[in-house]
């Protein structure tokens, strides 16, 4: 009998400068990048871009990845974060 794979839905990606161990991220209480609008296909690579943040020249230290439901668990194989070529010295 095959298993029914659970699909994560509506992954939310945001940015903050607050260190997560000092204050845990609260859903929707940070700068929102975008929300992946559907269920994530099994084994898929999804891309979420923070274009509005880049266009406004905002700088952040931490990336937040959450689900709208606080009861969902998250299994990630890899998370890659890229900048738009901004280099700070």
C-alpha atoms as a PDB file:
ATOM      1  CA  UNK A   1       0.000   0.000   0.000  1.00  0.00           C
ATOM      2  CA  UNK A   2       1.476   3.374  -1.008  1.00  0.00           C
ATOM      3  CA  UNK A   3       1.616   6.273   1.364  1.00  0.00           C
ATOM      4  CA  UNK A   4      -0.222   9.519   0.861  1.00  0.00           C
ATOM      5  CA  UNK A   5       2.424  12.244   0.895  1.00  0.00           C
ATOM      6  CA  UNK A   6       1.606  15.395   2.778  1.00  0.00           C
ATOM      7  CA  UNK A   7       2.033  18.571   0.732  1.00  0.00           C
ATOM      8  CA  UNK A   8       3.048  21.808   2.345  1.00  0.00           C
ATOM      9  CA  UNK A   9       0.793  24.628   1.255  1.00  0.00           C
ATOM     10  CA  UNK A  10       1.131  28.395   1.099  1.00  0.00           C
ATOM     11  CA  UNK A  11       4.728  28.668   2.293  1.00  0.00           C
ATOM     12  CA  UNK A  12       5.362  32.194   3.594  1.00  0.00           C
ATOM     13  CA  UNK A  13       8.791  33.806   3.255  1.00  0.00           C
ATOM     14  CA  UNK A  14       9.688  36.940   5.159  1.00  0.00           C
ATOM     15  CA  UNK A  15      12.639  38.961   6.403  1.00  0.00           C
ATOM     16  CA  UNK A  16      13.591  40.478   9.746  1.00  0.00           C
ATOM     17  CA  UNK A  17      16.484  41.973  11.654  1.00  0.00           C
ATOM     18  CA  UNK A  18      15.316  40.522  14.978  1.00  0.00           C
ATOM     19  CA  UNK A  19      17.465  37.624  16.171  1.00  0.00           C
ATOM     20  CA  UNK A  20      15.088  34.612  16.336  1.00  0.00           C
ATOM     21  CA  UNK A  21      16.439  33.366  19.672  1.00  0.00           C
ATOM     22  CA  UNK A  22      15.636  36.728  21.267  1.00  0.00           C
ATOM     23  CA  UNK A  23      12.146  36.978  19.791  1.00  0.00           C
ATOM     24  CA  UNK A  24      10.556  34.119  17.854  1.00  0.00           C
ATOM     25  CA  UNK A  25       8.941  35.186  14.568  1.00  0.00           C
ATOM     26  CA  UNK A  26       5.206  35.807  14.858  1.00  0.00           C
ATOM     27  CA  UNK A  27       3.176  34.928  11.771  1.00  0.00           C
ATOM     28  CA  UNK A  28       2.677  37.988   9.537  1.00  0.00           C
ATOM     29  CA  UNK A  29       4.590  40.222  11.977  1.00  0.00           C
ATOM     30  CA  UNK A  30       7.646  40.785   9.770  1.00  0.00           C
ATOM     31  CA  UNK A  31       8.453  42.102   6.313  1.00  0.00           C
ATOM     32  CA  UNK A  32       6.729  39.777   3.870  1.00  0.00           C
ATOM     33  CA  UNK A  33       8.582  38.713   0.729  1.00  0.00           C
ATOM     34  CA  UNK A  34       5.919  36.536  -0.797  1.00  0.00           C
ATOM     35  CA  UNK A  35       3.777  33.471  -0.271  1.00  0.00           C
ATOM     36  CA  UNK A  36       3.946  30.374  -2.458  1.00  0.00           C
ATOM     37  CA  UNK A  37       0.264  30.121  -3.455  1.00  0.00           C
ATOM     38  CA  UNK A  38      -0.320  26.366  -3.696  1.00  0.00           C
ATOM     39  CA  UNK A  39       0.723  22.955  -2.460  1.00  0.00           C
ATOM     40  CA  UNK A  40       4.411  22.255  -2.999  1.00  0.00           C
ATOM     41  CA  UNK A  41       4.811  19.237  -5.305  1.00  0.00           C
ATOM     42  CA  UNK A  42       6.765  16.339  -3.816  1.00  0.00           C
ATOM     43  CA  UNK A  43      10.485  16.779  -4.432  1.00  0.00           C
ATOM     44  CA  UNK A  44       9.946  20.138  -6.151  1.00  0.00           C
ATOM     45  CA  UNK A  45      12.106  23.217  -6.088  1.00  0.00           C
ATOM     46  CA  UNK A  46      10.139  26.391  -5.521  1.00  0.00           C
ATOM     47  CA  UNK A  47      11.308  29.978  -5.811  1.00  0.00           C
ATOM     48  CA  UNK A  48      10.052  32.961  -3.858  1.00  0.00           C
ATOM     49  CA  UNK A  49      11.491  36.366  -4.656  1.00  0.00           C
ATOM     50  CA  UNK A  50      11.595  39.459  -2.470  1.00  0.00           C
ATOM     51  CA  UNK A  51      11.525  41.955  -5.311  1.00  0.00           C
ATOM     52  CA  UNK A  52       9.686  44.712  -3.419  1.00  0.00           C
ATOM     53  CA  UNK A  53      12.242  44.589  -0.618  1.00  0.00           C
ATOM     54  CA  UNK A  54      15.087  44.868  -3.132  1.00  0.00           C
ATOM     55  CA  UNK A  55      13.472  47.765  -4.973  1.00  0.00           C
ATOM     56  CA  UNK A  56      13.079  49.666  -1.695  1.00  0.00           C
ATOM     57  CA  UNK A  57      16.769  49.102  -0.794  1.00  0.00           C
ATOM     58  CA  UNK A  58      15.838  47.460   2.521  1.00  0.00           C
ATOM     59  CA  UNK A  59      18.464  45.315   4.247  1.00  0.00           C
ATOM     60  CA  UNK A  60      17.770  42.359   6.542  1.00  0.00           C
ATOM     61  CA  UNK A  61      19.771  39.713   8.426  1.00  0.00           C
ATOM     62  CA  UNK A  62      17.317  36.815   8.833  1.00  0.00           C
ATOM     63  CA  UNK A  63      15.025  34.853   6.511  1.00  0.00           C
ATOM     64  CA  UNK A  64      11.778  33.434   7.915  1.00  0.00           C
ATOM     65  CA  UNK A  65       9.975  30.474   6.332  1.00  0.00           C
ATOM     66  CA  UNK A  66       6.578  29.630   7.838  1.00  0.00           C
ATOM     67  CA  UNK A  67       3.215  28.077   7.068  1.00  0.00           C
ATOM     68  CA  UNK A  68      -0.075  29.905   7.728  1.00  0.00           C
ATOM     69  CA  UNK A  69      -1.078  27.119  10.135  1.00  0.00           C
ATOM     70  CA  UNK A  70       1.075  26.995  13.268  1.00  0.00           C
ATOM     71  CA  UNK A  71       0.452  23.223  13.537  1.00  0.00           C
ATOM     72  CA  UNK A  72       2.250  22.330  10.293  1.00  0.00           C
ATOM     73  CA  UNK A  73       5.712  20.815  10.412  1.00  0.00           C
ATOM     74  CA  UNK A  74       8.370  21.597   7.860  1.00  0.00           C
ATOM     75  CA  UNK A  75      10.816  19.242   6.150  1.00  0.00           C
ATOM     76  CA  UNK A  76      13.328  20.986   3.955  1.00  0.00           C
ATOM     77  CA  UNK A  77      16.161  19.413   2.052  1.00  0.00           C
ATOM     78  CA  UNK A  78      17.852  22.681   1.237  1.00  0.00           C
ATOM     79  CA  UNK A  79      17.193  26.402   1.469  1.00  0.00           C
ATOM     80  CA  UNK A  80      19.233  28.777  -0.646  1.00  0.00           C
ATOM     81  CA  UNK A  81      19.188  32.524  -0.127  1.00  0.00           C
ATOM     82  CA  UNK A  82      20.648  34.873  -2.713  1.00  0.00           C
ATOM     83  CA  UNK A  83      21.144  38.614  -2.644  1.00  0.00           C
ATOM     84  CA  UNK A  84      20.691  40.910  -5.597  1.00  0.00           C
ATOM     85  CA  UNK A  85      24.392  41.631  -5.791  1.00  0.00           C
ATOM     86  CA  UNK A  86      24.487  44.090  -2.888  1.00  0.00           C
ATOM     87  CA  UNK A  87      27.801  43.958  -1.076  1.00  0.00           C
ATOM     88  CA  UNK A  88      28.192  45.599   2.323  1.00  0.00           C
ATOM     89  CA  UNK A  89      31.614  46.405   3.689  1.00  0.00           C
END
